[in-house]
Amino acid sequence: MANIRDLKKDINYVLGDIIEAVYVWELTNPDKETKKSEAVIDEAINVFDDLIAKVNIKNVENSKQHFTGISKELEQKGRMLIDKINALK
């Protein structure tokens, strides 16, 4: 991991792209119900808040392990949100 700033950028870009994908889905499917897609957006925002809060924790024993765990969690939760977008009907 290069640094904390890059991790924060990754979190922002990944979750921002997921939210953008939901908006694109909503625009291309105007006749579909948006309740589920709005739930995906809300979940992405919650994941963002959670991960940024974890990044901002100052006193951790093993910082490399801590930030690696955050990066893996971002990947896992990002994939989960992408699967939810793909499942929208």
C-alpha atoms as a PDB file:
ATOM      1  CA  MET A   1       0.000   0.000   0.000  1.00  0.00           C
ATOM      2  CA  ALA A   2       1.470   3.312  -1.051  1.00  0.00           C
ATOM      3  CA  ASN A   3      -0.189   5.590   1.483  1.00  0.00           C
ATOM      4  CA  ILE A   4      -3.376   6.559   3.254  1.00  0.00           C
ATOM      5  CA  ARG A   5      -4.235   9.212   0.670  1.00  0.00           C
ATOM      6  CA  ASP A   6      -4.258   6.599  -2.115  1.00  0.00           C
ATOM      7  CA  LEU A   7      -6.493   4.310  -0.044  1.00  0.00           C
ATOM      8  CA  LYS A   8      -8.947   7.152   0.524  1.00  0.00           C
ATOM      9  CA  LYS A   9      -8.938   7.892  -3.214  1.00  0.00           C
ATOM     10  CA  ASP A  10      -9.574   4.219  -3.992  1.00  0.00           C
ATOM     11  CA  ILE A  11     -12.524   4.157  -1.597  1.00  0.00           C
ATOM     12  CA  ASN A  12     -13.923   7.323  -3.146  1.00  0.00           C
ATOM     13  CA  TYR A  13     -13.467   6.172  -6.752  1.00  0.00           C
ATOM     14  CA  VAL A  14     -14.808   2.634  -6.274  1.00  0.00           C
ATOM     15  CA  LEU A  15     -17.915   3.628  -4.365  1.00  0.00           C
ATOM     16  CA  GLY A  16     -18.461   6.698  -6.552  1.00  0.00           C
ATOM     17  CA  ASP A  17     -18.380   4.499  -9.648  1.00  0.00           C
ATOM     18  CA  ILE A  18     -20.861   2.110  -8.052  1.00  0.00           C
ATOM     19  CA  ILE A  19     -23.261   4.962  -7.279  1.00  0.00           C
ATOM     20  CA  GLU A  20     -22.827   6.276 -10.820  1.00  0.00           C
ATOM     21  CA  ALA A  21     -23.620   2.813 -12.203  1.00  0.00           C
ATOM     22  CA  VAL A  22     -26.874   2.801 -10.234  1.00  0.00           C
ATOM     23  CA  TYR A  23     -27.805   6.211 -11.645  1.00  0.00           C
ATOM     24  CA  VAL A  24     -27.079   4.961 -15.172  1.00  0.00           C
ATOM     25  CA  TRP A  25     -29.283   1.937 -14.508  1.00  0.00           C
ATOM     26  CA  GLU A  26     -32.071   4.213 -13.294  1.00  0.00           C
ATOM     27  CA  LEU A  27     -31.775   6.414 -16.405  1.00  0.00           C
ATOM     28  CA  THR A  28     -31.808   3.465 -18.789  1.00  0.00           C
ATOM     29  CA  ASN A  29     -34.745   1.843 -16.983  1.00  0.00           C
ATOM     30  CA  PRO A  30     -37.173   4.707 -16.321  1.00  0.00           C
ATOM     31  CA  ASP A  31     -40.155   2.365 -16.115  1.00  0.00           C
ATOM     32  CA  LYS A  32     -38.625   0.241 -13.323  1.00  0.00           C
ATOM     33  CA  GLU A  33     -39.124   0.764  -9.599  1.00  0.00           C
ATOM     34  CA  THR A  34     -36.186   2.599  -8.015  1.00  0.00           C
ATOM     35  CA  LYS A  35     -36.666   1.460  -4.426  1.00  0.00           C
ATOM     36  CA  LYS A  36     -34.044  -1.301  -4.714  1.00  0.00           C
ATOM     37  CA  SER A  37     -31.586   0.879  -6.601  1.00  0.00           C
ATOM     38  CA  GLU A  38     -31.893   3.625  -3.997  1.00  0.00           C
ATOM     39  CA  ALA A  39     -31.167   1.010  -1.329  1.00  0.00           C
ATOM     40  CA  VAL A  40     -27.939   0.122  -3.165  1.00  0.00           C
ATOM     41  CA  ILE A  41     -26.944   3.802  -3.183  1.00  0.00           C
ATOM     42  CA  ASP A  42     -27.693   4.115   0.539  1.00  0.00           C
ATOM     43  CA  GLU A  43     -25.644   0.997   1.228  1.00  0.00           C
ATOM     44  CA  ALA A  44     -22.722   2.343  -0.829  1.00  0.00           C
ATOM     45  CA  ILE A  45     -22.803   5.574   1.173  1.00  0.00           C
ATOM     46  CA  ASN A  46     -22.825   3.623   4.434  1.00  0.00           C
ATOM     47  CA  VAL A  47     -19.876   1.506   3.263  1.00  0.00           C
ATOM     48  CA  PHE A  48     -18.019   4.705   2.323  1.00  0.00           C
ATOM     49  CA  ASP A  49     -18.623   6.252   5.745  1.00  0.00           C
ATOM     50  CA  ASP A  50     -17.588   3.036   7.508  1.00  0.00           C
ATOM     51  CA  LEU A  51     -14.369   2.584   5.536  1.00  0.00           C
ATOM     52  CA  ILE A  52     -13.301   6.221   5.845  1.00  0.00           C
ATOM     53  CA  ALA A  53     -13.899   6.038   9.600  1.00  0.00           C
ATOM     54  CA  LYS A  54     -11.656   2.955   9.746  1.00  0.00           C
ATOM     55  CA  VAL A  55      -8.941   4.710   7.726  1.00  0.00           C
ATOM     56  CA  ASN A  56      -9.011   7.668  10.108  1.00  0.00           C
ATOM     57  CA  ILE A  57      -8.352   5.549  13.214  1.00  0.00           C
ATOM     58  CA  LYS A  58      -4.993   6.820  14.455  1.00  0.00           C
ATOM     59  CA  ASN A  59      -3.793   4.433  17.140  1.00  0.00           C
ATOM     60  CA  VAL A  60      -3.611   0.937  15.657  1.00  0.00           C
ATOM     61  CA  GLU A  61      -0.911  -1.553  16.577  1.00  0.00           C
ATOM     62  CA  ASN A  62      -0.053  -2.836  13.101  1.00  0.00           C
ATOM     63  CA  SER A  63      -0.936  -0.131  10.600  1.00  0.00           C
ATOM     64  CA  LYS A  64       0.084  -2.109   7.506  1.00  0.00           C
ATOM     65  CA  GLN A  65      -2.204  -4.987   8.465  1.00  0.00           C
ATOM     66  CA  HIS A  66      -4.977  -2.524   9.363  1.00  0.00           C
ATOM     67  CA  PHE A  67      -4.883  -0.762   5.980  1.00  0.00           C
ATOM     68  CA  THR A  68      -4.527  -4.019   4.059  1.00  0.00           C
ATOM     69  CA  GLY A  69      -7.670  -5.233   5.797  1.00  0.00           C
ATOM     70  CA  ILE A  70      -9.512  -2.066   4.818  1.00  0.00           C
ATOM     71  CA  SER A  71      -8.411  -2.513   1.203  1.00  0.00           C
ATOM     72  CA  LYS A  72      -9.669  -6.112   1.180  1.00  0.00           C
ATOM     73  CA  GLU A  73     -12.934  -5.035   2.774  1.00  0.00           C
ATOM     74  CA  LEU A  74     -13.364  -2.389   0.067  1.00  0.00           C
ATOM     75  CA  GLU A  75     -12.886  -5.028  -2.620  1.00  0.00           C
ATOM     76  CA  GLN A  76     -15.302  -7.447  -0.950  1.00  0.00           C
ATOM     77  CA  LYS A  77     -18.046  -4.903  -0.335  1.00  0.00           C
ATOM     78  CA  GLY A  78     -17.545  -3.356  -3.772  1.00  0.00           C
ATOM     79  CA  ARG A  79     -18.097  -6.725  -5.426  1.00  0.00           C
ATOM     80  CA  MET A  80     -21.180  -7.301  -3.284  1.00  0.00           C
ATOM     81  CA  LEU A  81     -22.648  -3.940  -4.363  1.00  0.00           C
ATOM     82  CA  ILE A  82     -21.834  -4.643  -8.027  1.00  0.00           C
ATOM     83  CA  ASP A  83     -23.645  -7.979  -7.726  1.00  0.00           C
ATOM     84  CA  LYS A  84     -26.675  -6.122  -6.330  1.00  0.00           C
ATOM     85  CA  ILE A  85     -26.593  -3.711  -9.277  1.00  0.00           C
ATOM     86  CA  ASN A  86     -26.425  -6.616 -11.705  1.00  0.00           C
ATOM     87  CA  ALA A  87     -29.402  -8.228  -9.963  1.00  0.00           C
ATOM     88  CA  LEU A  88     -31.650  -5.143 -10.384  1.00  0.00           C
ATOM     89  CA  LYS A  89     -34.644  -5.898 -12.563  1.00  0.00           C
END
